[in-house]
């Protein structure tokens, strides 16, 4: 079992809460985030409500999920990271998303690194994967900084991706 919050030098990582909806909607509905996900058009508030409920239910059901990332100094919710079943499993993937105004500060690497460490130390996972669109250079850099290695091309979430992995043994 994972004990929360996960604490890093600058961040707290904790399960999402209903009160996070406004801040998460700001991240999820940002045009840059939508573009990076290949989502055309606006992201409705109802979609954020549904996504939040889905992430909270995953945490309840599996003991892990995509979690809220909060700046320690300001208390501001700056994004998300965590572990979830890759398209229903059996693989567990790490993911991250940081508000575009705060990208480039290393928050994604710091938060996702804490999630990976918890997955190995607290959940006993042997392997964690990530899927990244080939053209997403920033996320590919994050995987490299996390020590993940590319496995090869893969198709996930209806898109062509690059599959990365890291094992608990190093």
N, C-alpha and C. Protein backbone atom coordinates (compact mmCIF):
# COMPACT_ATOMS: atom_id res chain seq x y z
N UNK A 1 0.84 -1.19 0.00
CA UNK A 1 0.00 0.00 0.00
C UNK A 1 0.89 1.25 0.00
N UNK A 2 0.45 2.23 -0.73
CA UNK A 2 1.19 3.48 -0.81
C UNK A 2 0.66 4.43 0.25
N UNK A 3 1.58 5.04 0.99
CA UNK A 3 1.21 6.05 1.97
C UNK A 3 1.37 7.42 1.32
N UNK A 4 0.37 8.27 1.49
CA UNK A 4 0.37 9.59 0.88
C UNK A 4 0.47 10.66 1.94
N UNK A 5 0.99 11.83 1.55
CA UNK A 5 1.46 12.16 0.22
C UNK A 5 2.86 11.61 -0.04
N UNK A 6 3.17 11.44 -1.33
CA UNK A 6 4.55 11.21 -1.73
C UNK A 6 5.19 12.59 -1.72
N UNK A 7 6.34 12.70 -1.09
CA UNK A 7 6.98 14.01 -0.92
C UNK A 7 8.29 14.02 -1.70
N UNK A 8 8.45 15.02 -2.54
CA UNK A 8 9.70 15.23 -3.26
C UNK A 8 10.27 16.57 -2.81
N UNK A 9 11.35 16.97 -3.41
CA UNK A 9 11.99 18.22 -3.03
C UNK A 9 11.02 19.41 -3.13
N UNK A 10 10.24 19.45 -4.21
CA UNK A 10 9.37 20.61 -4.45
C UNK A 10 7.89 20.29 -4.48
N UNK A 11 7.54 19.00 -4.48
CA UNK A 11 6.17 18.61 -4.77
C UNK A 11 5.59 17.65 -3.73
N UNK A 12 4.26 17.64 -3.69
CA UNK A 12 3.50 16.61 -2.98
C UNK A 12 2.66 15.89 -4.03
N UNK A 13 2.63 14.59 -3.96
CA UNK A 13 1.81 13.79 -4.86
C UNK A 13 0.82 13.05 -3.98
N UNK A 14 -0.47 13.22 -4.29
CA UNK A 14 -1.53 12.64 -3.46
C UNK A 14 -2.71 12.25 -4.31
N UNK A 15 -3.58 11.37 -3.79
CA UNK A 15 -4.78 11.04 -4.55
C UNK A 15 -5.62 12.27 -4.87
N UNK A 16 -6.27 12.22 -6.01
CA UNK A 16 -7.17 13.30 -6.40
C UNK A 16 -8.37 13.34 -5.47
N UNK A 17 -8.91 14.55 -5.30
CA UNK A 17 -10.07 14.78 -4.45
C UNK A 17 -11.10 15.58 -5.24
N UNK A 18 -12.37 15.49 -4.87
CA UNK A 18 -13.39 16.27 -5.58
C UNK A 18 -13.06 17.76 -5.65
N UNK A 19 -12.42 18.29 -4.62
CA UNK A 19 -12.10 19.73 -4.61
C UNK A 19 -11.01 20.11 -5.61
N UNK A 20 -10.37 19.12 -6.23
CA UNK A 20 -9.33 19.38 -7.24
C UNK A 20 -9.92 19.67 -8.62
N UNK A 21 -11.22 19.53 -8.78
CA UNK A 21 -11.80 19.58 -10.12
C UNK A 21 -11.48 20.87 -10.87
N UNK A 22 -11.59 22.02 -10.23
CA UNK A 22 -11.34 23.28 -10.93
C UNK A 22 -9.90 23.34 -11.46
N UNK A 23 -8.94 23.03 -10.61
CA UNK A 23 -7.53 23.09 -11.02
C UNK A 23 -7.21 22.04 -12.07
N UNK A 24 -7.76 20.86 -11.93
CA UNK A 24 -7.53 19.82 -12.93
C UNK A 24 -8.17 20.18 -14.26
N UNK A 25 -9.35 20.76 -14.21
CA UNK A 25 -10.00 21.18 -15.46
C UNK A 25 -9.13 22.21 -16.18
N UNK A 26 -8.51 23.09 -15.42
CA UNK A 26 -7.62 24.09 -16.03
C UNK A 26 -6.47 23.42 -16.78
N UNK A 27 -5.94 22.34 -16.22
CA UNK A 27 -4.86 21.60 -16.89
C UNK A 27 -5.42 20.82 -18.08
N UNK A 28 -6.44 20.01 -17.82
CA UNK A 28 -6.96 19.10 -18.85
C UNK A 28 -7.56 19.84 -20.04
N UNK A 29 -8.11 21.03 -19.82
CA UNK A 29 -8.78 21.75 -20.90
C UNK A 29 -7.86 22.74 -21.62
N UNK A 30 -6.62 22.85 -21.18
CA UNK A 30 -5.70 23.79 -21.80
C UNK A 30 -5.44 23.38 -23.26
N UNK A 31 -5.50 24.31 -24.20
CA UNK A 31 -5.32 23.97 -25.62
C UNK A 31 -4.02 23.22 -25.92
N UNK A 32 -2.93 23.56 -25.23
CA UNK A 32 -1.67 22.86 -25.47
C UNK A 32 -1.74 21.41 -25.01
N UNK A 33 -2.42 21.16 -23.90
CA UNK A 33 -2.59 19.79 -23.41
C UNK A 33 -3.46 19.01 -24.38
N UNK A 34 -4.55 19.61 -24.81
CA UNK A 34 -5.44 18.93 -25.75
C UNK A 34 -4.71 18.59 -27.05
N UNK A 35 -3.91 19.51 -27.53
CA UNK A 35 -3.17 19.27 -28.78
C UNK A 35 -2.18 18.13 -28.61
N UNK A 36 -1.52 18.07 -27.45
CA UNK A 36 -0.53 17.00 -27.23
C UNK A 36 -1.19 15.64 -27.13
N UNK A 37 -2.48 15.62 -26.82
CA UNK A 37 -3.22 14.36 -26.73
C UNK A 37 -3.97 14.04 -28.02
N UNK A 38 -3.81 14.90 -29.01
CA UNK A 38 -4.51 14.67 -30.27
C UNK A 38 -6.01 14.90 -30.17
N UNK A 39 -6.43 15.69 -29.20
CA UNK A 39 -7.86 15.96 -28.99
C UNK A 39 -8.24 17.26 -29.69
N UNK A 40 -9.17 17.17 -30.59
CA UNK A 40 -9.63 18.36 -31.31
C UNK A 40 -10.86 18.93 -30.59
N UNK A 41 -10.92 20.23 -30.56
CA UNK A 41 -12.10 20.88 -29.99
C UNK A 41 -11.96 21.12 -28.50
N UNK A 42 -12.95 21.75 -27.91
CA UNK A 42 -12.89 22.09 -26.49
C UNK A 42 -13.06 20.85 -25.60
N UNK A 43 -12.60 20.96 -24.38
CA UNK A 43 -12.74 19.91 -23.37
C UNK A 43 -13.83 20.38 -22.40
N UNK A 44 -15.00 19.78 -22.46
CA UNK A 44 -16.11 20.26 -21.62
C UNK A 44 -15.89 19.97 -20.14
N UNK A 45 -16.49 20.78 -19.32
CA UNK A 45 -16.39 20.62 -17.86
C UNK A 45 -16.88 19.23 -17.44
N UNK A 46 -17.91 18.72 -18.10
CA UNK A 46 -18.43 17.39 -17.76
C UNK A 46 -17.37 16.31 -17.98
N UNK A 47 -16.52 16.50 -18.98
CA UNK A 47 -15.45 15.53 -19.24
C UNK A 47 -14.44 15.54 -18.09
N UNK A 48 -14.16 16.72 -17.54
CA UNK A 48 -13.26 16.79 -16.39
C UNK A 48 -13.88 16.11 -15.18
N UNK A 49 -15.17 16.33 -14.96
CA UNK A 49 -15.85 15.67 -13.85
C UNK A 49 -15.79 14.16 -13.99
N UNK A 50 -16.05 13.67 -15.20
CA UNK A 50 -16.00 12.22 -15.45
C UNK A 50 -14.59 11.68 -15.25
N UNK A 51 -13.60 12.39 -15.77
CA UNK A 51 -12.21 11.95 -15.65
C UNK A 51 -11.79 11.89 -14.19
N UNK A 52 -12.14 12.89 -13.42
CA UNK A 52 -11.80 12.92 -12.00
C UNK A 52 -12.44 11.73 -11.28
N UNK A 53 -13.71 11.47 -11.54
CA UNK A 53 -14.38 10.33 -10.91
C UNK A 53 -13.71 9.01 -11.30
N UNK A 54 -13.30 8.90 -12.57
CA UNK A 54 -12.64 7.69 -13.05
C UNK A 54 -11.32 7.48 -12.32
N UNK A 55 -10.53 8.53 -12.17
CA UNK A 55 -9.23 8.42 -11.49
C UNK A 55 -9.43 8.07 -10.01
N UNK A 56 -10.41 8.68 -9.37
CA UNK A 56 -10.67 8.37 -7.96
C UNK A 56 -11.15 6.92 -7.80
N UNK A 57 -11.96 6.44 -8.72
CA UNK A 57 -12.45 5.06 -8.67
C UNK A 57 -11.30 4.07 -8.90
N UNK A 58 -10.37 4.40 -9.80
CA UNK A 58 -9.21 3.54 -10.04
C UNK A 58 -8.40 3.40 -8.75
N UNK A 59 -8.20 4.50 -8.05
CA UNK A 59 -7.47 4.49 -6.78
C UNK A 59 -8.19 3.58 -5.79
N UNK A 60 -9.47 3.72 -5.68
CA UNK A 60 -10.26 2.92 -4.74
C UNK A 60 -10.19 1.43 -5.08
N UNK A 61 -10.28 1.12 -6.34
CA UNK A 61 -10.33 -0.26 -6.81
C UNK A 61 -8.97 -0.95 -6.78
N UNK A 62 -7.90 -0.24 -7.16
CA UNK A 62 -6.60 -0.87 -7.34
C UNK A 62 -5.53 -0.45 -6.33
N UNK A 63 -5.76 0.62 -5.59
CA UNK A 63 -4.76 1.09 -4.64
C UNK A 63 -3.70 1.99 -5.28
N UNK A 64 -3.90 2.31 -6.54
CA UNK A 64 -3.04 3.25 -7.25
C UNK A 64 -3.85 3.88 -8.35
N UNK A 65 -3.35 5.01 -8.84
CA UNK A 65 -4.09 5.75 -9.87
C UNK A 65 -3.21 6.89 -10.36
N UNK A 66 -3.78 7.73 -11.19
CA UNK A 66 -3.15 9.00 -11.53
C UNK A 66 -3.53 9.96 -10.39
N UNK A 67 -2.52 10.62 -9.84
CA UNK A 67 -2.69 11.45 -8.65
C UNK A 67 -2.46 12.92 -8.94
N UNK A 68 -2.87 13.75 -8.01
CA UNK A 68 -2.66 15.20 -8.10
C UNK A 68 -1.21 15.53 -7.72
N UNK A 69 -0.64 16.50 -8.41
CA UNK A 69 0.70 17.00 -8.12
C UNK A 69 0.56 18.45 -7.64
N UNK A 70 1.09 18.72 -6.45
CA UNK A 70 0.92 20.01 -5.80
C UNK A 70 2.29 20.58 -5.45
N UNK A 71 2.49 21.86 -5.74
CA UNK A 71 3.72 22.54 -5.31
C UNK A 71 3.71 22.64 -3.79
N UNK A 72 4.80 22.23 -3.17
CA UNK A 72 4.87 22.28 -1.70
C UNK A 72 4.82 23.71 -1.18
N UNK A 73 5.55 24.60 -1.82
CA UNK A 73 5.63 25.97 -1.31
C UNK A 73 4.32 26.74 -1.44
N UNK A 74 3.66 26.61 -2.60
CA UNK A 74 2.47 27.43 -2.86
C UNK A 74 1.16 26.71 -2.56
N UNK A 75 1.17 25.38 -2.56
CA UNK A 75 -0.07 24.62 -2.41
C UNK A 75 -0.87 24.54 -3.70
N UNK A 76 -0.32 25.06 -4.79
CA UNK A 76 -1.02 25.06 -6.08
C UNK A 76 -0.96 23.68 -6.74
N UNK A 77 -2.09 23.20 -7.22
CA UNK A 77 -2.13 21.98 -7.99
C UNK A 77 -1.57 22.31 -9.37
N UNK A 78 -0.50 21.61 -9.77
CA UNK A 78 0.20 21.95 -11.00
C UNK A 78 0.06 20.88 -12.09
N UNK A 79 -0.53 19.75 -11.76
CA UNK A 79 -0.68 18.71 -12.76
C UNK A 79 -1.04 17.39 -12.14
N UNK A 80 -0.66 16.33 -12.86
CA UNK A 80 -0.98 14.98 -12.42
C UNK A 80 0.17 14.04 -12.78
N UNK A 81 0.27 12.99 -12.01
CA UNK A 81 1.18 11.90 -12.31
C UNK A 81 0.62 10.67 -11.61
N UNK A 82 1.17 9.53 -11.94
CA UNK A 82 0.75 8.34 -11.22
C UNK A 82 0.83 7.11 -12.07
N UNK A 83 0.20 6.08 -11.57
CA UNK A 83 0.22 4.76 -12.17
C UNK A 83 -1.20 4.33 -12.47
N UNK A 84 -1.38 3.72 -13.62
CA UNK A 84 -2.70 3.18 -13.96
C UNK A 84 -2.50 1.98 -14.87
N UNK A 85 -3.53 1.16 -14.94
CA UNK A 85 -3.49 0.03 -15.85
C UNK A 85 -3.51 0.56 -17.28
N UNK A 86 -2.57 0.11 -18.09
CA UNK A 86 -2.50 0.53 -19.49
C UNK A 86 -3.63 -0.15 -20.24
N UNK A 87 -4.62 0.63 -20.62
CA UNK A 87 -5.78 0.13 -21.35
C UNK A 87 -6.35 -1.13 -20.71
N UNK A 88 -6.50 -1.10 -19.40
CA UNK A 88 -7.12 -2.21 -18.68
C UNK A 88 -6.15 -3.27 -18.19
N UNK A 89 -4.86 -3.16 -18.52
CA UNK A 89 -3.84 -4.07 -18.00
C UNK A 89 -3.50 -5.17 -18.98
N UNK A 90 -2.58 -6.02 -18.64
CA UNK A 90 -1.97 -6.17 -17.32
C UNK A 90 -0.84 -5.18 -17.03
N UNK A 91 -0.32 -4.50 -18.08
CA UNK A 91 0.77 -3.56 -17.84
C UNK A 91 0.30 -2.37 -17.02
N UNK A 92 1.21 -1.87 -16.17
CA UNK A 92 0.96 -0.66 -15.41
C UNK A 92 1.81 0.43 -16.03
N UNK A 93 1.16 1.55 -16.34
CA UNK A 93 1.88 2.66 -16.96
C UNK A 93 2.00 3.83 -15.99
N UNK A 94 3.10 4.55 -16.16
CA UNK A 94 3.28 5.81 -15.47
C UNK A 94 2.91 6.90 -16.47
N UNK A 95 2.27 7.92 -15.97
CA UNK A 95 1.90 9.05 -16.82
C UNK A 95 2.09 10.35 -16.06
N UNK A 96 2.07 11.43 -16.80
CA UNK A 96 2.25 12.75 -16.19
C UNK A 96 1.66 13.80 -17.10
N UNK A 97 1.28 14.88 -16.50
CA UNK A 97 0.79 16.04 -17.22
C UNK A 97 0.99 17.24 -16.30
N UNK A 98 1.66 18.27 -16.79
CA UNK A 98 1.91 19.48 -16.02
C UNK A 98 1.28 20.64 -16.77
N UNK A 99 0.71 21.57 -16.02
CA UNK A 99 0.11 22.75 -16.65
C UNK A 99 1.16 23.38 -17.58
N UNK A 100 0.78 23.70 -18.82
CA UNK A 100 1.75 24.25 -19.78
C UNK A 100 2.50 25.48 -19.30
N UNK A 101 1.90 26.29 -18.44
CA UNK A 101 2.59 27.47 -17.93
C UNK A 101 3.75 27.10 -17.01
N UNK A 102 3.79 25.85 -16.55
CA UNK A 102 4.81 25.42 -15.59
C UNK A 102 5.75 24.36 -16.16
N UNK A 103 5.62 24.07 -17.43
CA UNK A 103 6.48 23.06 -18.03
C UNK A 103 7.91 23.58 -18.14
N UNK A 104 8.86 22.66 -18.20
CA UNK A 104 10.26 23.03 -18.31
C UNK A 104 10.94 23.22 -16.97
N UNK A 105 10.25 22.98 -15.88
CA UNK A 105 10.82 23.15 -14.54
C UNK A 105 11.25 21.82 -13.92
N UNK A 106 11.03 20.72 -14.63
CA UNK A 106 11.39 19.42 -14.10
C UNK A 106 10.32 18.78 -13.23
N UNK A 107 9.15 19.41 -13.16
CA UNK A 107 8.08 18.86 -12.32
C UNK A 107 7.63 17.47 -12.78
N UNK A 108 7.51 17.27 -14.08
CA UNK A 108 7.05 15.97 -14.59
C UNK A 108 8.02 14.87 -14.17
N UNK A 109 9.31 15.11 -14.35
CA UNK A 109 10.30 14.10 -13.99
C UNK A 109 10.30 13.84 -12.49
N UNK A 110 10.23 14.90 -11.71
CA UNK A 110 10.25 14.77 -10.25
C UNK A 110 9.03 13.99 -9.75
N UNK A 111 7.86 14.35 -10.24
CA UNK A 111 6.64 13.70 -9.79
C UNK A 111 6.55 12.25 -10.30
N UNK A 112 6.83 12.04 -11.59
CA UNK A 112 6.75 10.69 -12.15
C UNK A 112 7.80 9.78 -11.51
N UNK A 113 8.96 10.33 -11.18
CA UNK A 113 9.97 9.54 -10.49
C UNK A 113 9.48 9.04 -9.14
N UNK A 114 8.74 9.89 -8.42
CA UNK A 114 8.16 9.48 -7.14
C UNK A 114 7.11 8.39 -7.35
N UNK A 115 6.33 8.51 -8.42
CA UNK A 115 5.31 7.50 -8.71
C UNK A 115 5.96 6.15 -9.02
N UNK A 116 7.01 6.18 -9.83
CA UNK A 116 7.71 4.94 -10.18
C UNK A 116 8.32 4.30 -8.93
N UNK A 117 8.97 5.11 -8.11
CA UNK A 117 9.58 4.59 -6.89
C UNK A 117 8.53 3.94 -5.99
N UNK A 118 7.36 4.58 -5.87
CA UNK A 118 6.29 4.00 -5.05
C UNK A 118 5.77 2.71 -5.66
N UNK A 119 5.69 2.67 -6.98
CA UNK A 119 5.22 1.46 -7.65
C UNK A 119 6.12 0.27 -7.37
N UNK A 120 7.41 0.49 -7.38
CA UNK A 120 8.34 -0.60 -7.11
C UNK A 120 8.41 -0.92 -5.62
N UNK A 121 8.58 0.10 -4.77
CA UNK A 121 8.80 -0.13 -3.34
C UNK A 121 7.53 -0.51 -2.59
N UNK A 122 6.41 0.10 -2.93
CA UNK A 122 5.18 -0.10 -2.16
C UNK A 122 4.20 -1.08 -2.79
N UNK A 123 4.20 -1.15 -4.13
CA UNK A 123 3.26 -2.05 -4.80
C UNK A 123 3.92 -3.34 -5.27
N UNK A 124 5.24 -3.38 -5.22
CA UNK A 124 5.95 -4.58 -5.63
C UNK A 124 5.91 -4.85 -7.12
N UNK A 125 5.71 -3.80 -7.92
CA UNK A 125 5.69 -3.98 -9.36
C UNK A 125 7.08 -4.38 -9.84
N UNK A 126 7.13 -5.19 -10.88
CA UNK A 126 8.41 -5.60 -11.46
C UNK A 126 8.77 -4.76 -12.67
N UNK A 127 7.75 -4.18 -13.31
CA UNK A 127 7.96 -3.42 -14.55
C UNK A 127 6.90 -2.34 -14.64
N UNK A 128 7.30 -1.17 -15.10
CA UNK A 128 6.38 -0.07 -15.35
C UNK A 128 6.67 0.44 -16.75
N UNK A 129 5.62 0.74 -17.49
CA UNK A 129 5.77 1.21 -18.86
C UNK A 129 5.26 2.64 -18.98
N UNK A 130 5.61 3.27 -20.08
CA UNK A 130 5.06 4.58 -20.47
C UNK A 130 4.83 4.53 -21.97
N UNK A 131 3.81 5.21 -22.43
CA UNK A 131 3.57 5.34 -23.86
C UNK A 131 3.58 6.82 -24.21
N UNK A 132 4.35 7.14 -25.26
CA UNK A 132 4.55 8.53 -25.64
C UNK A 132 4.41 8.64 -27.15
N UNK A 133 3.73 9.69 -27.60
CA UNK A 133 3.65 9.92 -29.03
C UNK A 133 5.05 10.21 -29.57
N UNK A 134 5.40 9.66 -30.73
CA UNK A 134 6.76 9.82 -31.26
C UNK A 134 7.22 11.27 -31.38
N UNK A 135 6.31 12.18 -31.68
CA UNK A 135 6.69 13.58 -31.86
C UNK A 135 6.72 14.40 -30.58
N UNK A 136 6.40 13.79 -29.43
CA UNK A 136 6.37 14.52 -28.17
C UNK A 136 7.76 14.49 -27.53
N UNK A 137 8.63 15.39 -28.00
CA UNK A 137 10.02 15.40 -27.56
C UNK A 137 10.15 15.63 -26.06
N UNK A 138 9.31 16.48 -25.49
CA UNK A 138 9.40 16.77 -24.06
C UNK A 138 9.12 15.52 -23.23
N UNK A 139 8.08 14.79 -23.57
CA UNK A 139 7.77 13.57 -22.81
C UNK A 139 8.81 12.48 -23.05
N UNK A 140 9.36 12.44 -24.23
CA UNK A 140 10.42 11.46 -24.49
C UNK A 140 11.64 11.78 -23.62
N UNK A 141 11.95 13.06 -23.44
CA UNK A 141 13.05 13.45 -22.55
C UNK A 141 12.76 13.04 -21.11
N UNK A 142 11.50 13.20 -20.69
CA UNK A 142 11.14 12.79 -19.33
C UNK A 142 11.40 11.30 -19.16
N UNK A 143 11.00 10.48 -20.12
CA UNK A 143 11.22 9.03 -19.99
C UNK A 143 12.71 8.73 -19.86
N UNK A 144 13.53 9.43 -20.63
CA UNK A 144 14.98 9.21 -20.55
C UNK A 144 15.52 9.61 -19.18
N UNK A 145 15.08 10.76 -18.65
CA UNK A 145 15.53 11.20 -17.34
C UNK A 145 15.09 10.24 -16.24
N UNK A 146 13.97 9.56 -16.47
CA UNK A 146 13.46 8.58 -15.50
C UNK A 146 14.20 7.25 -15.58
N UNK A 147 15.07 7.11 -16.58
CA UNK A 147 15.80 5.87 -16.75
C UNK A 147 15.04 4.81 -17.52
N UNK A 148 13.98 5.22 -18.19
CA UNK A 148 13.19 4.28 -18.98
C UNK A 148 13.87 4.05 -20.33
N UNK A 149 13.69 2.87 -20.88
CA UNK A 149 14.30 2.54 -22.17
C UNK A 149 13.20 2.26 -23.18
N UNK A 150 13.42 2.67 -24.42
CA UNK A 150 12.41 2.41 -25.45
C UNK A 150 12.38 0.92 -25.80
N UNK A 151 11.16 0.42 -25.91
CA UNK A 151 10.95 -0.97 -26.31
C UNK A 151 10.68 -1.03 -27.81
N UNK A 152 9.96 -0.02 -28.31
CA UNK A 152 9.67 0.04 -29.73
C UNK A 152 8.31 0.66 -29.97
N UNK A 153 7.90 0.67 -31.23
CA UNK A 153 6.60 1.25 -31.55
C UNK A 153 5.47 0.37 -31.01
N UNK A 154 4.37 1.02 -30.70
CA UNK A 154 3.19 0.32 -30.18
C UNK A 154 1.96 1.15 -30.51
N UNK A 155 0.83 0.51 -30.47
CA UNK A 155 -0.43 1.22 -30.72
C UNK A 155 -1.24 1.18 -29.42
N UNK A 156 -1.47 2.35 -28.85
CA UNK A 156 -2.25 2.47 -27.62
C UNK A 156 -3.12 3.70 -27.71
N UNK A 157 -4.29 3.60 -27.08
CA UNK A 157 -5.24 4.71 -27.05
C UNK A 157 -5.59 5.16 -28.47
N UNK A 158 -5.56 4.20 -29.40
CA UNK A 158 -5.94 4.49 -30.78
C UNK A 158 -4.92 5.29 -31.56
N UNK A 159 -3.69 5.41 -31.03
CA UNK A 159 -2.66 6.20 -31.69
C UNK A 159 -1.34 5.43 -31.74
N UNK A 160 -0.50 5.78 -32.70
CA UNK A 160 0.84 5.22 -32.77
C UNK A 160 1.69 5.87 -31.68
N UNK A 161 2.35 5.04 -30.89
CA UNK A 161 3.12 5.51 -29.75
C UNK A 161 4.48 4.82 -29.73
N UNK A 162 5.32 5.29 -28.83
CA UNK A 162 6.56 4.60 -28.50
C UNK A 162 6.39 4.05 -27.08
N UNK A 163 6.65 2.77 -26.91
CA UNK A 163 6.53 2.12 -25.61
C UNK A 163 7.89 2.15 -24.92
N UNK A 164 7.90 2.61 -23.66
CA UNK A 164 9.09 2.63 -22.83
C UNK A 164 8.86 1.74 -21.64
N UNK A 165 9.95 1.28 -21.02
CA UNK A 165 9.80 0.46 -19.82
C UNK A 165 10.96 0.72 -18.86
N UNK A 166 10.70 0.38 -17.61
CA UNK A 166 11.72 0.38 -16.58
C UNK A 166 11.40 -0.80 -15.67
N UNK A 167 12.43 -1.48 -15.21
CA UNK A 167 12.19 -2.61 -14.32
C UNK A 167 12.59 -2.25 -12.90
N UNK A 168 12.00 -2.94 -11.96
CA UNK A 168 12.27 -2.68 -10.56
C UNK A 168 13.68 -3.03 -10.15
N UNK A 169 14.36 -3.82 -10.98
CA UNK A 169 15.73 -4.18 -10.65
C UNK A 169 16.73 -3.17 -11.20
N UNK A 170 16.23 -2.10 -11.80
CA UNK A 170 17.15 -1.07 -12.26
C UNK A 170 16.82 -0.61 -13.60
